[in-house]
């Protein structure tokens, strides 16, 4: 990989992260509400932690 490409990676990753956050802006609060109110979905709080660990 060239130096120009490497220097753009943090910017590209930031733009991608912001785009994903914007797309899920309405979904995440509803999921958290379900996770906290329905004990069948209470494991949902662990999913982001496990996913981050695997990444």
PDB file of N, CA and C in Angstrom:
ATOM      1  N   UNK A   1       0.845  -1.183   0.000  1.00  0.00           N
ATOM      2  CA  UNK A   1       0.000   0.000   0.000  1.00  0.00           C
ATOM      3  C   UNK A   1       0.883   1.236   0.000  1.00  0.00           C
ATOM      4  N   UNK A   2       0.493   2.212  -0.773  1.00  0.00           N
ATOM      5  CA  UNK A   2       1.253   3.439  -0.824  1.00  0.00           C
ATOM      6  C   UNK A   2       0.969   4.330   0.376  1.00  0.00           C
ATOM      7  N   UNK A   3       1.844   5.321   0.557  1.00  0.00           N
ATOM      8  CA  UNK A   3       1.674   6.238   1.686  1.00  0.00           C
ATOM      9  C   UNK A   3       0.400   7.060   1.570  1.00  0.00           C
ATOM     10  N   UNK A   4       0.018   7.418   0.347  1.00  0.00           N
ATOM     11  CA  UNK A   4      -1.200   8.213   0.156  1.00  0.00           C
ATOM     12  C   UNK A   4      -2.433   7.429   0.580  1.00  0.00           C
ATOM     13  N   UNK A   5      -2.440   6.138   0.273  1.00  0.00           N
ATOM     14  CA  UNK A   5      -3.584   5.300   0.635  1.00  0.00           C
ATOM     15  C   UNK A   5      -3.632   5.103   2.141  1.00  0.00           C
ATOM     16  N   UNK A   6      -2.473   4.857   2.754  1.00  0.00           N
ATOM     17  CA  UNK A   6      -2.426   4.663   4.205  1.00  0.00           C
ATOM     18  C   UNK A   6      -2.863   5.902   4.963  1.00  0.00           C
ATOM     19  N   UNK A   7      -2.543   7.057   4.471  1.00  0.00           N
ATOM     20  CA  UNK A   7      -2.909   8.284   5.181  1.00  0.00           C
ATOM     21  C   UNK A   7      -4.408   8.555   5.088  1.00  0.00           C
ATOM     22  N   UNK A   8      -5.089   7.978   4.101  1.00  0.00           N
ATOM     23  CA  UNK A   8      -6.536   8.173   3.954  1.00  0.00           C
ATOM     24  C   UNK A   8      -7.352   7.174   4.745  1.00  0.00           C
ATOM     25  N   UNK A   9      -6.749   6.087   5.195  1.00  0.00           N
ATOM     26  CA  UNK A   9      -7.507   5.039   5.887  1.00  0.00           C
ATOM     27  C   UNK A   9      -8.252   5.548   7.124  1.00  0.00           C
ATOM     28  N   UNK A  10      -7.628   6.336   8.014  1.00  0.00           N
ATOM     29  CA  UNK A  10      -8.397   6.820   9.174  1.00  0.00           C
ATOM     30  C   UNK A  10      -9.588   7.692   8.765  1.00  0.00           C
ATOM     31  N   UNK A  11      -9.410   8.499   7.740  1.00  0.00           N
ATOM     32  CA  UNK A  11     -10.511   9.341   7.267  1.00  0.00           C
ATOM     33  C   UNK A  11     -11.621   8.491   6.672  1.00  0.00           C
ATOM     34  N   UNK A  12     -11.259   7.521   5.858  1.00  0.00           N
ATOM     35  CA  UNK A  12     -12.263   6.634   5.260  1.00  0.00           C
ATOM     36  C   UNK A  12     -13.022   5.856   6.332  1.00  0.00           C
ATOM     37  N   UNK A  13     -12.294   5.362   7.324  1.00  0.00           N
ATOM     38  CA  UNK A  13     -12.931   4.624   8.406  1.00  0.00           C
ATOM     39  C   UNK A  13     -13.872   5.525   9.201  1.00  0.00           C
ATOM     40  N   UNK A  14     -13.467   6.757   9.443  1.00  0.00           N
ATOM     41  CA  UNK A  14     -14.313   7.703  10.182  1.00  0.00           C
ATOM     42  C   UNK A  14     -15.592   8.008   9.417  1.00  0.00           C
ATOM     43  N   UNK A  15     -15.481   8.211   8.122  1.00  0.00           N
ATOM     44  CA  UNK A  15     -16.662   8.486   7.298  1.00  0.00           C
ATOM     45  C   UNK A  15     -17.591   7.288   7.303  1.00  0.00           C
ATOM     46  N   UNK A  16     -17.039   6.094   7.184  1.00  0.00           N
ATOM     47  CA  UNK A  16     -17.853   4.884   7.222  1.00  0.00           C
ATOM     48  C   UNK A  16     -18.548   4.726   8.572  1.00  0.00           C
ATOM     49  N   UNK A  17     -17.823   4.968   9.652  1.00  0.00           N
ATOM     50  CA  UNK A  17     -18.398   4.863  10.985  1.00  0.00           C
ATOM     51  C   UNK A  17     -19.524   5.879  11.187  1.00  0.00           C
ATOM     52  N   UNK A  18     -19.343   7.099  10.732  1.00  0.00           N
ATOM     53  CA  UNK A  18     -20.396   8.120  10.839  1.00  0.00           C
ATOM     54  C   UNK A  18     -21.618   7.745   9.996  1.00  0.00           C
ATOM     55  N   UNK A  19     -21.397   7.191   8.819  1.00  0.00           N
ATOM     56  CA  UNK A  19     -22.513   6.787   7.960  1.00  0.00           C
ATOM     57  C   UNK A  19     -23.322   5.676   8.616  1.00  0.00           C
ATOM     58  N   UNK A  20     -22.649   4.691   9.191  1.00  0.00           N
ATOM     59  CA  UNK A  20     -23.350   3.592   9.866  1.00  0.00           C
ATOM     60  C   UNK A  20     -24.094   4.119  11.087  1.00  0.00           C
ATOM     61  N   UNK A  21     -23.467   5.010  11.854  1.00  0.00           N
ATOM     62  CA  UNK A  21     -24.124   5.592  13.024  1.00  0.00           C
ATOM     63  C   UNK A  21     -25.376   6.363  12.612  1.00  0.00           C
ATOM     64  N   UNK A  22     -25.288   7.113  11.523  1.00  0.00           N
ATOM     65  CA  UNK A  22     -26.446   7.869  11.039  1.00  0.00           C
ATOM     66  C   UNK A  22     -27.570   6.937  10.596  1.00  0.00           C
ATOM     67  N   UNK A  23     -27.218   5.837   9.930  1.00  0.00           N
ATOM     68  CA  UNK A  23     -28.234   4.897   9.452  1.00  0.00           C
ATOM     69  C   UNK A  23     -28.966   4.204  10.600  1.00  0.00           C
ATOM     70  N   UNK A  24     -28.277   3.962  11.695  1.00  0.00           N
ATOM     71  CA  UNK A  24     -28.865   3.248  12.826  1.00  0.00           C
ATOM     72  C   UNK A  24     -29.322   4.176  13.948  1.00  0.00           C
ATOM     73  N   UNK A  25     -29.382   5.466  13.686  1.00  0.00           N
ATOM     74  CA  UNK A  25     -29.749   6.446  14.701  1.00  0.00           C
ATOM     75  C   UNK A  25     -31.136   6.191  15.290  1.00  0.00           C
ATOM     76  N   UNK A  26     -32.073   5.769  14.488  1.00  0.00           N
ATOM     77  CA  UNK A  26     -33.432   5.506  14.975  1.00  0.00           C
ATOM     78  C   UNK A  26     -33.605   4.079  15.506  1.00  0.00           C
ATOM     79  N   UNK A  27     -32.769   3.175  15.059  1.00  0.00           N
ATOM     80  CA  UNK A  27     -32.921   1.767  15.397  1.00  0.00           C
ATOM     81  C   UNK A  27     -32.365   1.448  16.787  1.00  0.00           C
ATOM     82  N   UNK A  28     -31.216   2.004  17.115  1.00  0.00           N
ATOM     83  CA  UNK A  28     -30.534   1.650  18.363  1.00  0.00           C
ATOM     84  C   UNK A  28     -31.364   1.964  19.611  1.00  0.00           C
ATOM     85  N   UNK A  29     -31.978   3.142  19.734  1.00  0.00           N
ATOM     86  CA  UNK A  29     -32.784   3.384  20.943  1.00  0.00           C
ATOM     87  C   UNK A  29     -33.942   2.383  21.103  1.00  0.00           C
ATOM     88  N   UNK A  30     -34.549   1.990  20.005  1.00  0.00           N
ATOM     89  CA  UNK A  30     -35.631   1.001  20.084  1.00  0.00           C
ATOM     90  C   UNK A  30     -35.089  -0.359  20.524  1.00  0.00           C
ATOM     91  N   UNK A  31     -33.905  -0.729  20.026  1.00  0.00           N
ATOM     92  CA  UNK A  31     -33.307  -1.999  20.449  1.00  0.00           C
ATOM     93  C   UNK A  31     -32.972  -1.971  21.930  1.00  0.00           C
ATOM     94  N   UNK A  32     -32.392  -0.886  22.398  1.00  0.00           N
ATOM     95  CA  UNK A  32     -32.027  -0.777  23.818  1.00  0.00           C
ATOM     96  C   UNK A  32     -33.273  -0.833  24.687  1.00  0.00           C
ATOM     97  N   UNK A  33     -34.337  -0.206  24.233  1.00  0.00           N
ATOM     98  CA  UNK A  33     -35.596  -0.256  24.980  1.00  0.00           C
ATOM     99  C   UNK A  33     -36.103  -1.697  25.071  1.00  0.00           C
ATOM    100  N   UNK A  34     -36.052  -2.416  23.955  1.00  0.00           N
ATOM    101  CA  UNK A  34     -36.467  -3.823  23.968  1.00  0.00           C
ATOM    102  C   UNK A  34     -35.573  -4.651  24.881  1.00  0.00           C
ATOM    103  N   UNK A  35     -34.266  -4.419  24.815  1.00  0.00           N
ATOM    104  CA  UNK A  35     -33.327  -5.171  25.642  1.00  0.00           C
ATOM    105  C   UNK A  35     -33.587  -4.952  27.124  1.00  0.00           C
ATOM    106  N   UNK A  36     -33.955  -3.734  27.496  1.00  0.00           N
ATOM    107  CA  UNK A  36     -34.132  -3.441  28.922  1.00  0.00           C
ATOM    108  C   UNK A  36     -35.515  -3.843  29.438  1.00  0.00           C
ATOM    109  N   UNK A  37     -36.502  -3.950  28.554  1.00  0.00           N
ATOM    110  CA  UNK A  37     -37.857  -4.249  29.007  1.00  0.00           C
ATOM    111  C   UNK A  37     -38.268  -5.708  28.848  1.00  0.00           C
ATOM    112  N   UNK A  38     -37.688  -6.405  27.898  1.00  0.00           N
ATOM    113  CA  UNK A  38     -38.068  -7.798  27.643  1.00  0.00           C
ATOM    114  C   UNK A  38     -36.900  -8.701  28.022  1.00  0.00           C
ATOM    115  N   UNK A  39     -37.114  -9.562  29.011  1.00  0.00           N
ATOM    116  CA  UNK A  39     -36.013 -10.403  29.485  1.00  0.00           C
ATOM    117  C   UNK A  39     -35.559 -11.423  28.442  1.00  0.00           C
ATOM    118  N   UNK A  40     -36.374 -11.672  27.424  1.00  0.00           N
ATOM    119  CA  UNK A  40     -35.944 -12.563  26.343  1.00  0.00           C
ATOM    120  C   UNK A  40     -34.837 -11.947  25.500  1.00  0.00           C
ATOM    121  N   UNK A  41     -34.734 -10.629  25.530  1.00  0.00           N
ATOM    122  CA  UNK A  41     -33.720  -9.924  24.745  1.00  0.00           C
ATOM    123  C   UNK A  41     -32.653  -9.282  25.620  1.00  0.00           C
ATOM    124  N   UNK A  42     -32.591  -9.618  26.884  1.00  0.00           N
ATOM    125  CA  UNK A  42     -31.649  -8.962  27.794  1.00  0.00           C
ATOM    126  C   UNK A  42     -30.190  -9.253  27.436  1.00  0.00           C
ATOM    127  N   UNK A  43     -29.926 -10.313  26.680  1.00  0.00           N
ATOM    128  CA  UNK A  43     -28.560 -10.604  26.257  1.00  0.00           C
ATOM    129  C   UNK A  43     -28.067  -9.600  25.211  1.00  0.00           C
ATOM    130  N   UNK A  44     -28.960  -8.784  24.690  1.00  0.00           N
ATOM    131  CA  UNK A  44     -28.595  -7.815  23.657  1.00  0.00           C
ATOM    132  C   UNK A  44     -27.516  -6.852  24.094  1.00  0.00           C
ATOM    133  N   UNK A  45     -27.423  -6.568  25.390  1.00  0.00           N
ATOM    134  CA  UNK A  45     -26.391  -5.664  25.885  1.00  0.00           C
ATOM    135  C   UNK A  45     -24.994  -6.266  25.725  1.00  0.00           C
ATOM    136  N   UNK A  46     -24.908  -7.587  25.641  1.00  0.00           N
ATOM    137  CA  UNK A  46     -23.613  -8.248  25.488  1.00  0.00           C
ATOM    138  C   UNK A  46     -23.148  -8.314  24.033  1.00  0.00           C
ATOM    139  N   UNK A  47     -24.055  -8.221  23.106  1.00  0.00           N
ATOM    140  CA  UNK A  47     -23.720  -8.393  21.695  1.00  0.00           C
ATOM    141  C   UNK A  47     -22.684  -7.377  21.205  1.00  0.00           C
ATOM    142  N   UNK A  48     -22.819  -6.075  21.499  1.00  0.00           N
ATOM    143  CA  UNK A  48     -21.780  -5.137  21.047  1.00  0.00           C
ATOM    144  C   UNK A  48     -20.406  -5.436  21.657  1.00  0.00           C
ATOM    145  N   UNK A  49     -20.377  -5.897  22.907  1.00  0.00           N
ATOM    146  CA  UNK A  49     -19.105  -6.221  23.546  1.00  0.00           C
ATOM    147  C   UNK A  49     -18.444  -7.424  22.882  1.00  0.00           C
ATOM    148  N   UNK A  50     -19.225  -8.457  22.613  1.00  0.00           N
ATOM    149  CA  UNK A  50     -18.693  -9.652  21.963  1.00  0.00           C
ATOM    150  C   UNK A  50     -18.229  -9.311  20.544  1.00  0.00           C
ATOM    151  N   UNK A  51     -19.009  -8.510  19.849  1.00  0.00           N
ATOM    152  CA  UNK A  51     -18.638  -8.114  18.487  1.00  0.00           C
ATOM    153  C   UNK A  51     -17.341  -7.308  18.483  1.00  0.00           C
ATOM    154  N   UNK A  52     -17.210  -6.394  19.413  1.00  0.00           N
ATOM    155  CA  UNK A  52     -15.974  -5.589  19.502  1.00  0.00           C
ATOM    156  C   UNK A  52     -14.783  -6.475  19.813  1.00  0.00           C
ATOM    157  N   UNK A  53     -14.971  -7.451  20.686  1.00  0.00           N
ATOM    158  CA  UNK A  53     -13.883  -8.377  21.005  1.00  0.00           C
ATOM    159  C   UNK A  53     -13.457  -9.168  19.772  1.00  0.00           C
ATOM    160  N   UNK A  54     -14.433  -9.653  19.006  1.00  0.00           N
ATOM    161  CA  UNK A  54     -14.118 -10.443  17.822  1.00  0.00           C
ATOM    162  C   UNK A  54     -13.442  -9.609  16.745  1.00  0.00           C
ATOM    163  N   UNK A  55     -13.817  -8.347  16.649  1.00  0.00           N
ATOM    164  CA  UNK A  55     -13.154  -7.469  15.677  1.00  0.00           C
ATOM    165  C   UNK A  55     -11.736  -7.200  16.090  1.00  0.00           C
TER     166      UNK A  55
END
